[in-house]
PDB file of all heavy atoms in Angstrom:
ATOM      1  N   GLN A   1      -3.407 -10.100 -19.694  1.00  0.00           N
ATOM      2  CA  GLN A   1      -2.503 -11.131 -20.197  1.00  0.00           C
ATOM      3  C   GLN A   1      -2.710 -12.471 -19.502  1.00  0.00           C
ATOM      4  O   GLN A   1      -2.423 -13.524 -20.078  1.00  0.00           O
ATOM      5  CB  GLN A   1      -1.048 -10.680 -20.044  1.00  0.00           C
ATOM      6  CG  GLN A   1      -0.647  -9.576 -20.994  1.00  0.00           C
ATOM      7  CD  GLN A   1       0.766  -9.082 -20.764  1.00  0.00           C
ATOM      8  OE1 GLN A   1       1.340  -9.289 -19.684  1.00  0.00           O
ATOM      9  NE2 GLN A   1       1.350  -8.442 -21.771  1.00  0.00           N
ATOM     10  N   MET A   2      -3.217 -12.450 -18.261  1.00  0.00           N
ATOM     11  CA  MET A   2      -3.484 -13.702 -17.560  1.00  0.00           C
ATOM     12  C   MET A   2      -4.404 -14.613 -18.349  1.00  0.00           C
ATOM     13  O   MET A   2      -4.338 -15.841 -18.245  1.00  0.00           O
ATOM     14  CB  MET A   2      -4.151 -13.424 -16.197  1.00  0.00           C
ATOM     15  CG  MET A   2      -3.218 -12.986 -15.105  1.00  0.00           C
ATOM     16  SD  MET A   2      -4.010 -13.173 -13.489  1.00  0.00           S
ATOM     17  CE  MET A   2      -5.519 -12.235 -13.686  1.00  0.00           C
ATOM     18  N   PHE A   3      -5.286 -14.013 -19.137  1.00  0.00           N
ATOM     19  CA  PHE A   3      -6.328 -14.773 -19.820  1.00  0.00           C
ATOM     20  C   PHE A   3      -5.990 -15.040 -21.282  1.00  0.00           C
ATOM     21  O   PHE A   3      -6.851 -15.488 -22.039  1.00  0.00           O
ATOM     22  CB  PHE A   3      -7.665 -14.048 -19.694  1.00  0.00           C
ATOM     23  CG  PHE A   3      -8.092 -13.862 -18.260  1.00  0.00           C
ATOM     24  CD1 PHE A   3      -7.851 -12.665 -17.602  1.00  0.00           C
ATOM     25  CD2 PHE A   3      -8.683 -14.905 -17.568  1.00  0.00           C
ATOM     26  CE1 PHE A   3      -8.221 -12.507 -16.276  1.00  0.00           C
ATOM     27  CE2 PHE A   3      -9.051 -14.751 -16.251  1.00  0.00           C
ATOM     28  CZ  PHE A   3      -8.815 -13.543 -15.591  1.00  0.00           C
ATOM     29  N   GLU A   4      -4.756 -14.794 -21.665  1.00  0.00           N
ATOM     30  CA  GLU A   4      -4.315 -15.178 -23.001  1.00  0.00           C
ATOM     31  C   GLU A   4      -4.143 -16.696 -23.062  1.00  0.00           C
ATOM     32  O   GLU A   4      -3.834 -17.344 -22.060  1.00  0.00           O
ATOM     33  CB  GLU A   4      -3.007 -14.472 -23.344  1.00  0.00           C
ATOM     34  CG  GLU A   4      -3.157 -12.961 -23.504  1.00  0.00           C
ATOM     35  CD  GLU A   4      -1.842 -12.289 -23.836  1.00  0.00           C
ATOM     36  OE1 GLU A   4      -0.806 -12.988 -23.846  1.00  0.00           O
ATOM     37  OE2 GLU A   4      -1.846 -11.066 -24.075  1.00  0.00           O
ATOM     38  N   ASN A   5      -4.360 -17.263 -24.232  1.00  0.00           N
ATOM     39  CA  ASN A   5      -4.227 -18.714 -24.446  1.00  0.00           C
ATOM     40  C   ASN A   5      -5.197 -19.501 -23.576  1.00  0.00           C
ATOM     41  O   ASN A   5      -4.865 -20.571 -23.051  1.00  0.00           O
ATOM     42  CB  ASN A   5      -2.790 -19.175 -24.146  1.00  0.00           C
ATOM     43  CG  ASN A   5      -1.757 -18.404 -24.932  1.00  0.00           C
ATOM     44  OD1 ASN A   5      -1.867 -18.260 -26.137  1.00  0.00           O
ATOM     45  ND2 ASN A   5      -0.753 -17.885 -24.236  1.00  0.00           N
ATOM     46  N   LYS A   6      -6.401 -18.993 -23.404  1.00  0.00           N
ATOM     47  CA  LYS A   6      -7.396 -19.652 -22.554  1.00  0.00           C
ATOM     48  C   LYS A   6      -8.630 -20.061 -23.361  1.00  0.00           C
ATOM     49  O   LYS A   6      -9.754 -20.013 -22.881  1.00  0.00           O
ATOM     50  CB  LYS A   6      -7.818 -18.709 -21.405  1.00  0.00           C
ATOM     51  CG  LYS A   6      -6.702 -18.321 -20.461  1.00  0.00           C
ATOM     52  CD  LYS A   6      -6.144 -19.531 -19.723  1.00  0.00           C
ATOM     53  CE  LYS A   6      -5.087 -19.122 -18.715  1.00  0.00           C
ATOM     54  NZ  LYS A   6      -3.875 -18.580 -19.348  1.00  0.00           N
ATOM     55  N   GLU A   7      -8.397 -20.499 -24.594  1.00  0.00           N
ATOM     56  CA  GLU A   7      -9.512 -20.892 -25.458  1.00  0.00           C
ATOM     57  C   GLU A   7     -10.279 -22.099 -24.907  1.00  0.00           C
ATOM     58  O   GLU A   7     -11.441 -22.312 -25.246  1.00  0.00           O
ATOM     59  CB  GLU A   7      -9.004 -21.219 -26.864  1.00  0.00           C
ATOM     60  CG  GLU A   7      -8.534 -20.006 -27.663  1.00  0.00           C
ATOM     61  CD  GLU A   7      -7.125 -19.592 -27.295  1.00  0.00           C
ATOM     62  OE1 GLU A   7      -6.495 -20.300 -26.481  1.00  0.00           O
ATOM     63  OE2 GLU A   7      -6.634 -18.569 -27.830  1.00  0.00           O
ATOM     64  N   SER A   8      -9.640 -22.891 -24.044  1.00  0.00           N
ATOM     65  CA  SER A   8     -10.283 -24.107 -23.535  1.00  0.00           C
ATOM     66  C   SER A   8     -11.038 -23.881 -22.228  1.00  0.00           C
ATOM     67  O   SER A   8     -11.722 -24.787 -21.750  1.00  0.00           O
ATOM     68  CB  SER A   8      -9.231 -25.204 -23.319  1.00  0.00           C
ATOM     69  OG  SER A   8      -8.590 -25.541 -24.526  1.00  0.00           O
ATOM     70  N   VAL A   9     -10.913 -22.710 -21.626  1.00  0.00           N
ATOM     71  CA  VAL A   9     -11.556 -22.463 -20.326  1.00  0.00           C
ATOM     72  C   VAL A   9     -13.072 -22.424 -20.490  1.00  0.00           C
ATOM     73  O   VAL A   9     -13.612 -21.643 -21.274  1.00  0.00           O
ATOM     74  CB  VAL A   9     -11.049 -21.145 -19.702  1.00  0.00           C
ATOM     75  CG1 VAL A   9     -11.896 -20.759 -18.493  1.00  0.00           C
ATOM     76  CG2 VAL A   9      -9.591 -21.290 -19.293  1.00  0.00           C
ATOM     77  N   VAL A  10     -13.765 -23.279 -19.715  1.00  0.00           N
ATOM     78  CA  VAL A  10     -15.232 -23.294 -19.731  1.00  0.00           C
ATOM     79  C   VAL A  10     -15.812 -22.767 -18.426  1.00  0.00           C
ATOM     80  O   VAL A  10     -16.988 -22.389 -18.369  1.00  0.00           O
ATOM     81  CB  VAL A  10     -15.774 -24.713 -20.015  1.00  0.00           C
ATOM     82  CG1 VAL A  10     -15.397 -25.157 -21.413  1.00  0.00           C
ATOM     83  CG2 VAL A  10     -15.276 -25.710 -18.976  1.00  0.00           C
ATOM     84  N   ARG A  11     -14.995 -22.772 -17.340  1.00  0.00           N
ATOM     85  CA  ARG A  11     -15.449 -22.243 -16.049  1.00  0.00           C
ATOM     86  C   ARG A  11     -14.426 -21.251 -15.520  1.00  0.00           C
ATOM     87  O   ARG A  11     -13.244 -21.575 -15.407  1.00  0.00           O
ATOM     88  CB  ARG A  11     -15.636 -23.375 -15.022  1.00  0.00           C
ATOM     89  CG  ARG A  11     -16.892 -24.212 -15.225  1.00  0.00           C
ATOM     90  CD  ARG A  11     -16.918 -25.407 -14.292  1.00  0.00           C
ATOM     91  NE  ARG A  11     -16.706 -25.051 -12.895  1.00  0.00           N
ATOM     92  CZ  ARG A  11     -17.663 -24.634 -12.062  1.00  0.00           C
ATOM     93  NH1 ARG A  11     -18.907 -24.513 -12.504  1.00  0.00           N
ATOM     94  NH2 ARG A  11     -17.393 -24.347 -10.819  1.00  0.00           N
ATOM     95  N   LEU A  12     -14.911 -20.040 -15.182  1.00  0.00           N
ATOM     96  CA  LEU A  12     -14.052 -19.001 -14.623  1.00  0.00           C
ATOM     97  C   LEU A  12     -14.702 -18.448 -13.363  1.00  0.00           C
ATOM     98  O   LEU A  12     -15.855 -18.021 -13.389  1.00  0.00           O
ATOM     99  CB  LEU A  12     -13.834 -17.875 -15.632  1.00  0.00           C
ATOM    100  CG  LEU A  12     -13.022 -16.667 -15.133  1.00  0.00           C
ATOM    101  CD1 LEU A  12     -11.602 -17.085 -14.768  1.00  0.00           C
ATOM    102  CD2 LEU A  12     -13.003 -15.556 -16.191  1.00  0.00           C
ATOM    103  N   LEU A  13     -13.950 -18.492 -12.257  1.00  0.00           N
ATOM    104  CA  LEU A  13     -14.431 -17.975 -10.982  1.00  0.00           C
ATOM    105  C   LEU A  13     -13.472 -16.886 -10.526  1.00  0.00           C
ATOM    106  O   LEU A  13     -12.276 -17.151 -10.312  1.00  0.00           O
ATOM    107  CB  LEU A  13     -14.518 -19.083  -9.927  1.00  0.00           C
ATOM    108  CG  LEU A  13     -15.450 -20.265 -10.254  1.00  0.00           C
ATOM    109  CD1 LEU A  13     -14.693 -21.355 -11.021  1.00  0.00           C
ATOM    110  CD2 LEU A  13     -16.028 -20.880  -8.989  1.00  0.00           C
ATOM    111  N   LEU A  14     -13.968 -15.670 -10.399  1.00  0.00           N
ATOM    112  CA  LEU A  14     -13.140 -14.525 -10.045  1.00  0.00           C
ATOM    113  C   LEU A  14     -13.651 -13.872  -8.760  1.00  0.00           C
ATOM    114  O   LEU A  14     -14.791 -13.393  -8.709  1.00  0.00           O
ATOM    115  CB  LEU A  14     -13.155 -13.481 -11.168  1.00  0.00           C
ATOM    116  CG  LEU A  14     -12.424 -13.827 -12.467  1.00  0.00           C
ATOM    117  CD1 LEU A  14     -12.647 -12.731 -13.499  1.00  0.00           C
ATOM    118  CD2 LEU A  14     -10.943 -14.030 -12.220  1.00  0.00           C
ATOM    119  N   ASN A  15     -12.806 -13.872  -7.738  1.00  0.00           N
ATOM    120  CA  ASN A  15     -13.078 -13.105  -6.520  1.00  0.00           C
ATOM    121  C   ASN A  15     -12.107 -11.931  -6.523  1.00  0.00           C
ATOM    122  O   ASN A  15     -10.897 -12.119  -6.408  1.00  0.00           O
ATOM    123  CB  ASN A  15     -12.873 -13.983  -5.287  1.00  0.00           C
ATOM    124  CG  ASN A  15     -13.226 -13.262  -3.988  1.00  0.00           C
ATOM    125  OD1 ASN A  15     -13.294 -12.033  -3.955  1.00  0.00           O
ATOM    126  ND2 ASN A  15     -13.447 -14.010  -2.928  1.00  0.00           N
ATOM    127  N   PHE A  16     -12.654 -10.729  -6.658  1.00  0.00           N
ATOM    128  CA  PHE A  16     -11.795  -9.562  -6.835  1.00  0.00           C
ATOM    129  C   PHE A  16     -11.219  -9.050  -5.515  1.00  0.00           C
ATOM    130  O   PHE A  16     -10.331  -8.199  -5.525  1.00  0.00           O
ATOM    131  CB  PHE A  16     -12.565  -8.445  -7.539  1.00  0.00           C
ATOM    132  CG  PHE A  16     -12.927  -8.790  -8.956  1.00  0.00           C
ATOM    133  CD1 PHE A  16     -14.169  -9.315  -9.269  1.00  0.00           C
ATOM    134  CD2 PHE A  16     -12.006  -8.629  -9.971  1.00  0.00           C
ATOM    135  CE1 PHE A  16     -14.500  -9.651 -10.567  1.00  0.00           C
ATOM    136  CE2 PHE A  16     -12.321  -8.964 -11.279  1.00  0.00           C
ATOM    137  CZ  PHE A  16     -13.579  -9.481 -11.575  1.00  0.00           C
ATOM    138  N   GLY A  17     -11.709  -9.547  -4.393  1.00  0.00           N
ATOM    139  CA  GLY A  17     -11.162  -9.151  -3.101  1.00  0.00           C
ATOM    140  C   GLY A  17     -11.202  -7.650  -2.898  1.00  0.00           C
ATOM    141  O   GLY A  17     -12.241  -6.999  -3.058  1.00  0.00           O
ATOM    142  N   ARG A  18     -10.055  -7.072  -2.591  1.00  0.00           N
ATOM    143  CA  ARG A  18      -9.986  -5.627  -2.352  1.00  0.00           C
ATOM    144  C   ARG A  18      -9.939  -4.813  -3.648  1.00  0.00           C
ATOM    145  O   ARG A  18     -10.013  -3.587  -3.623  1.00  0.00           O
ATOM    146  CB  ARG A  18      -8.744  -5.301  -1.517  1.00  0.00           C
ATOM    147  CG  ARG A  18      -8.761  -5.885  -0.109  1.00  0.00           C
ATOM    148  CD  ARG A  18      -7.439  -5.628   0.584  1.00  0.00           C
ATOM    149  NE  ARG A  18      -6.342  -6.320  -0.079  1.00  0.00           N
ATOM    150  CZ  ARG A  18      -5.090  -5.858  -0.126  1.00  0.00           C
ATOM    151  NH1 ARG A  18      -4.802  -4.693   0.415  1.00  0.00           N
ATOM    152  NH2 ARG A  18      -4.142  -6.558  -0.726  1.00  0.00           N
ATOM    153  N   ASP A  19      -9.832  -5.510  -4.763  1.00  0.00           N
ATOM    154  CA  ASP A  19      -9.653  -4.824  -6.045  1.00  0.00           C
ATOM    155  C   ASP A  19     -10.951  -4.865  -6.867  1.00  0.00           C
ATOM    156  O   ASP A  19     -10.972  -5.302  -8.011  1.00  0.00           O
ATOM    157  CB  ASP A  19      -8.508  -5.483  -6.817  1.00  0.00           C
ATOM    158  CG  ASP A  19      -7.994  -4.610  -7.958  1.00  0.00           C
ATOM    159  OD1 ASP A  19      -8.272  -3.399  -7.942  1.00  0.00           O
ATOM    160  OD2 ASP A  19      -7.344  -5.152  -8.865  1.00  0.00           O
ATOM    161  N   ARG A  20     -12.046  -4.404  -6.274  1.00  0.00           N
ATOM    162  CA  ARG A  20     -13.351  -4.515  -6.930  1.00  0.00           C
ATOM    163  C   ARG A  20     -13.418  -3.772  -8.251  1.00  0.00           C
ATOM    164  O   ARG A  20     -14.117  -4.192  -9.177  1.00  0.00           O
ATOM    165  CB  ARG A  20     -14.443  -3.998  -5.984  1.00  0.00           C
ATOM    166  CG  ARG A  20     -14.579  -4.807  -4.709  1.00  0.00           C
ATOM    167  CD  ARG A  20     -15.718  -4.293  -3.847  1.00  0.00           C
ATOM    168  NE  ARG A  20     -15.798  -5.037  -2.596  1.00  0.00           N
ATOM    169  CZ  ARG A  20     -16.720  -4.837  -1.682  1.00  0.00           C
ATOM    170  NH1 ARG A  20     -17.642  -3.907  -1.879  1.00  0.00           N
ATOM    171  NH2 ARG A  20     -16.726  -5.544  -0.568  1.00  0.00           N
ATOM    172  N   ARG A  21     -12.726  -2.661  -8.340  1.00  0.00           N
ATOM    173  CA  ARG A  21     -12.788  -1.869  -9.575  1.00  0.00           C
ATOM    174  C   ARG A  21     -12.266  -2.660 -10.773  1.00  0.00           C
ATOM    175  O   ARG A  21     -12.612  -2.374 -11.909  1.00  0.00           O
ATOM    176  CB  ARG A  21     -11.965  -0.588  -9.415  1.00  0.00           C
ATOM    177  CG  ARG A  21     -12.540   0.417  -8.418  1.00  0.00           C
ATOM    178  CD  ARG A  21     -13.761   1.110  -8.978  1.00  0.00           C
ATOM    179  NE  ARG A  21     -13.470   1.834 -10.212  1.00  0.00           N
ATOM    180  CZ  ARG A  21     -14.382   2.420 -10.963  1.00  0.00           C
ATOM    181  NH1 ARG A  21     -15.672   2.335 -10.624  1.00  0.00           N
ATOM    182  NH2 ARG A  21     -14.048   3.064 -12.066  1.00  0.00           N
ATOM    183  N   ARG A  22     -11.465  -3.683 -10.508  1.00  0.00           N
ATOM    184  CA  ARG A  22     -10.915  -4.488 -11.588  1.00  0.00           C
ATOM    185  C   ARG A  22     -12.024  -5.191 -12.372  1.00  0.00           C
ATOM    186  O   ARG A  22     -11.846  -5.556 -13.532  1.00  0.00           O
ATOM    187  CB  ARG A  22      -9.968  -5.528 -11.014  1.00  0.00           C
ATOM    188  CG  ARG A  22      -9.230  -6.347 -12.033  1.00  0.00           C
ATOM    189  CD  ARG A  22      -7.963  -5.688 -12.496  1.00  0.00           C
ATOM    190  NE  ARG A  22      -7.000  -5.579 -11.417  1.00  0.00           N
ATOM    191  CZ  ARG A  22      -5.757  -5.151 -11.566  1.00  0.00           C
ATOM    192  NH1 ARG A  22      -5.333  -4.783 -12.754  1.00  0.00           N
ATOM    193  NH2 ARG A  22      -4.938  -5.051 -10.533  1.00  0.00           N
ATOM    194  N   SER A  23     -13.187  -5.366 -11.753  1.00  0.00           N
ATOM    195  CA  SER A  23     -14.282  -6.062 -12.440  1.00  0.00           C
ATOM    196  C   SER A  23     -14.758  -5.308 -13.674  1.00  0.00           C
ATOM    197  O   SER A  23     -15.405  -5.892 -14.547  1.00  0.00           O
ATOM    198  CB  SER A  23     -15.452  -6.296 -11.478  1.00  0.00           C
ATOM    199  OG  SER A  23     -15.918  -5.083 -10.902  1.00  0.00           O
ATOM    200  N   HIS A  24     -14.430  -4.028 -13.793  1.00  0.00           N
ATOM    201  CA  HIS A  24     -14.800  -3.274 -14.991  1.00  0.00           C
ATOM    202  C   HIS A  24     -14.052  -3.781 -16.232  1.00  0.00           C
ATOM    203  O   HIS A  24     -14.421  -3.437 -17.356  1.00  0.00           O
ATOM    204  CB  HIS A  24     -14.516  -1.780 -14.788  1.00  0.00           C
ATOM    205  CG  HIS A  24     -15.462  -1.114 -13.835  1.00  0.00           C
ATOM    206  ND1 HIS A  24     -16.561  -0.402 -14.241  1.00  0.00           N
ATOM    207  CD2 HIS A  24     -15.484  -1.091 -12.478  1.00  0.00           C
ATOM    208  CE1 HIS A  24     -17.216   0.066 -13.176  1.00  0.00           C
ATOM    209  NE2 HIS A  24     -16.581  -0.346 -12.103  1.00  0.00           N
ATOM    210  N   GLN A  25     -13.005  -4.577 -16.034  1.00  0.00           N
ATOM    211  CA  GLN A  25     -12.258  -5.115 -17.168  1.00  0.00           C
ATOM    212  C   GLN A  25     -12.824  -6.436 -17.674  1.00  0.00           C
ATOM    213  O   GLN A  25     -12.344  -6.969 -18.679  1.00  0.00           O
ATOM    214  CB  GLN A  25     -10.791  -5.317 -16.778  1.00  0.00           C
ATOM    215  CG  GLN A  25     -10.037  -4.029 -16.481  1.00  0.00           C
ATOM    216  CD  GLN A  25      -8.556  -4.294 -16.302  1.00  0.00           C
ATOM    217  OE1 GLN A  25      -7.938  -5.008 -17.088  1.00  0.00           O
ATOM    218  NE2 GLN A  25      -7.973  -3.727 -15.268  1.00  0.00           N
ATOM    219  N   VAL A  26     -13.831  -6.980 -16.992  1.00  0.00           N
ATOM    220  CA  VAL A  26     -14.391  -8.279 -17.383  1.00  0.00           C
ATOM    221  C   VAL A  26     -14.871  -8.289 -18.835  1.00  0.00           C
ATOM    222  O   VAL A  26     -14.634  -9.274 -19.558  1.00  0.00           O
ATOM    223  CB  VAL A  26     -15.518  -8.695 -16.418  1.00  0.00           C
ATOM    224  CG1 VAL A  26     -16.313  -9.886 -16.961  1.00  0.00           C
ATOM    225  CG2 VAL A  26     -14.928  -9.032 -15.055  1.00  0.00           C
ATOM    226  N   PRO A  27     -15.568  -7.239 -19.328  1.00  0.00           N
ATOM    227  CA  PRO A  27     -16.026  -7.296 -20.727  1.00  0.00           C
ATOM    228  C   PRO A  27     -14.905  -7.530 -21.737  1.00  0.00           C
ATOM    229  O   PRO A  27     -15.128  -8.149 -22.783  1.00  0.00           O
ATOM    230  CB  PRO A  27     -16.680  -5.929 -20.937  1.00  0.00           C
ATOM    231  CG  PRO A  27     -17.097  -5.489 -19.577  1.00  0.00           C
ATOM    232  CD  PRO A  27     -16.038  -6.018 -18.647  1.00  0.00           C
ATOM    233  N   GLN A  28     -13.696  -7.076 -21.414  1.00  0.00           N
ATOM    234  CA  GLN A  28     -12.576  -7.236 -22.334  1.00  0.00           C
ATOM    235  C   GLN A  28     -12.077  -8.684 -22.407  1.00  0.00           C
ATOM    236  O   GLN A  28     -11.266  -9.021 -23.274  1.00  0.00           O
ATOM    237  CB  GLN A  28     -11.425  -6.321 -21.908  1.00  0.00           C
ATOM    238  CG  GLN A  28     -11.801  -4.845 -21.868  1.00  0.00           C
ATOM    239  CD  GLN A  28     -10.697  -4.001 -21.272  1.00  0.00           C
ATOM    240  OE1 GLN A  28      -9.523  -4.176 -21.596  1.00  0.00           O
ATOM    241  NE2 GLN A  28     -11.056  -3.073 -20.392  1.00  0.00           N
ATOM    242  N   LEU A  29     -12.556  -9.533 -21.498  1.00  0.00           N
ATOM    243  CA  LEU A  29     -12.129 -10.928 -21.492  1.00  0.00           C
ATOM    244  C   LEU A  29     -12.928 -11.799 -22.452  1.00  0.00           C
ATOM    245  O   LEU A  29     -12.553 -12.937 -22.725  1.00  0.00           O
ATOM    246  CB  LEU A  29     -12.246 -11.511 -20.074  1.00  0.00           C
ATOM    247  CG  LEU A  29     -11.499 -10.787 -18.958  1.00  0.00           C
ATOM    248  CD1 LEU A  29     -11.715 -11.517 -17.633  1.00  0.00           C
ATOM    249  CD2 LEU A  29     -10.017 -10.672 -19.270  1.00  0.00           C
ATOM    250  N   ALA A  30     -14.042 -11.283 -22.943  1.00  0.00           N
ATOM    251  CA  ALA A  30     -14.960 -12.101 -23.738  1.00  0.00           C
ATOM    252  C   ALA A  30     -14.270 -12.717 -24.959  1.00  0.00           C
ATOM    253  O   ALA A  30     -14.452 -13.909 -25.245  1.00  0.00           O
ATOM    254  CB  ALA A  30     -16.165 -11.268 -24.160  1.00  0.00           C
ATOM    255  N   ASP A  31     -13.477 -11.935 -25.680  1.00  0.00           N
ATOM    256  CA  ASP A  31     -12.814 -12.464 -26.879  1.00  0.00           C
ATOM    257  C   ASP A  31     -11.741 -13.488 -26.535  1.00  0.00           C
ATOM    258  O   ASP A  31     -11.410 -14.350 -27.354  1.00  0.00           O
ATOM    259  CB  ASP A  31     -12.188 -11.319 -27.678  1.00  0.00           C
ATOM    260  CG  ASP A  31     -13.239 -10.425 -28.311  1.00  0.00           C
ATOM    261  OD1 ASP A  31     -14.383 -10.888 -28.481  1.00  0.00           O
ATOM    262  OD2 ASP A  31     -12.924  -9.257 -28.608  1.00  0.00           O
ATOM    263  N   LYS A  32     -11.187 -13.398 -25.314  1.00  0.00           N
ATOM    264  CA  LYS A  32     -10.140 -14.330 -24.905  1.00  0.00           C
ATOM    265  C   LYS A  32     -10.709 -15.656 -24.416  1.00  0.00           C
ATOM    266  O   LYS A  32      -9.978 -16.638 -24.291  1.00  0.00           O
ATOM    267  CB  LYS A  32      -9.293 -13.697 -23.792  1.00  0.00           C
ATOM    268  CG  LYS A  32      -8.650 -12.357 -24.155  1.00  0.00           C
ATOM    269  CD  LYS A  32      -7.909 -11.779 -22.965  1.00  0.00           C
ATOM    270  CE  LYS A  32      -7.408 -10.372 -23.233  1.00  0.00           C
ATOM    271  NZ  LYS A  32      -6.403 -10.324 -24.300  1.00  0.00           N
ATOM    272  N   LEU A  33     -12.027 -15.692 -24.107  1.00  0.00           N
ATOM    273  CA  LEU A  33     -12.641 -16.878 -23.512  1.00  0.00           C
ATOM    274  C   LEU A  33     -13.839 -17.313 -24.360  1.00  0.00           C
ATOM    275  O   LEU A  33     -14.992 -17.264 -23.915  1.00  0.00           O
ATOM    276  CB  LEU A  33     -13.087 -16.580 -22.082  1.00  0.00           C
ATOM    277  CG  LEU A  33     -11.986 -16.090 -21.124  1.00  0.00           C
ATOM    278  CD1 LEU A  33     -12.591 -15.546 -19.836  1.00  0.00           C
ATOM    279  CD2 LEU A  33     -11.007 -17.227 -20.817  1.00  0.00           C
ATOM    280  N   PRO A  34     -13.607 -17.776 -25.563  1.00  0.00           N
ATOM    281  CA  PRO A  34     -14.719 -18.098 -26.470  1.00  0.00           C
ATOM    282  C   PRO A  34     -15.543 -19.302 -26.033  1.00  0.00           C
ATOM    283  O   PRO A  34     -16.676 -19.472 -26.485  1.00  0.00           O
ATOM    284  CB  PRO A  34     -14.016 -18.367 -27.803  1.00  0.00           C
ATOM    285  CG  PRO A  34     -12.643 -18.832 -27.410  1.00  0.00           C
ATOM    286  CD  PRO A  34     -12.293 -18.037 -26.190  1.00  0.00           C
ATOM    287  N   SER A  35     -14.978 -20.159 -25.162  1.00  0.00           N
ATOM    288  CA  SER A  35     -15.685 -21.382 -24.754  1.00  0.00           C
ATOM    289  C   SER A  35     -16.316 -21.263 -23.377  1.00  0.00           C
ATOM    290  O   SER A  35     -16.870 -22.247 -22.866  1.00  0.00           O
ATOM    291  CB  SER A  35     -14.711 -22.573 -24.752  1.00  0.00           C
ATOM    292  OG  SER A  35     -14.094 -22.743 -26.010  1.00  0.00           O
ATOM    293  N   LEU A  36     -16.272 -20.079 -22.762  1.00  0.00           N
ATOM    294  CA  LEU A  36     -16.715 -19.925 -21.376  1.00  0.00           C
ATOM    295  C   LEU A  36     -18.207 -20.210 -21.233  1.00  0.00           C
ATOM    296  O   LEU A  36     -19.041 -19.571 -21.875  1.00  0.00           O
ATOM    297  CB  LEU A  36     -16.411 -18.506 -20.882  1.00  0.00           C
ATOM    298  CG  LEU A  36     -16.593 -18.299 -19.375  1.00  0.00           C
ATOM    299  CD1 LEU A  36     -15.524 -19.071 -18.607  1.00  0.00           C
ATOM    300  CD2 LEU A  36     -16.541 -16.815 -19.016  1.00  0.00           C
ATOM    301  N   GLU A  37     -18.525 -21.180 -20.350  1.00  0.00           N
ATOM    302  CA  GLU A  37     -19.919 -21.544 -20.088  1.00  0.00           C
ATOM    303  C   GLU A  37     -20.395 -21.077 -18.724  1.00  0.00           C
ATOM    304  O   GLU A  37     -21.589 -20.819 -18.533  1.00  0.00           O
ATOM    305  CB  GLU A  37     -20.082 -23.064 -20.195  1.00  0.00           C
ATOM    306  CG  GLU A  37     -19.815 -23.612 -21.586  1.00  0.00           C
ATOM    307  CD  GLU A  37     -19.944 -25.118 -21.639  1.00  0.00           C
ATOM    308  OE1 GLU A  37     -20.248 -25.728 -20.579  1.00  0.00           O
ATOM    309  OE2 GLU A  37     -19.736 -25.696 -22.726  1.00  0.00           O
TER     310      GLU A  37
END
């Protein structure tokens, strides 16, 4: 839900810290970030 309404985001920087397993959810963000460069 953090990435809802983020059609304008062109740069995303994610440091997962202690929650590395969370990176497995990155593919699900693709539809929410259509402008990501």
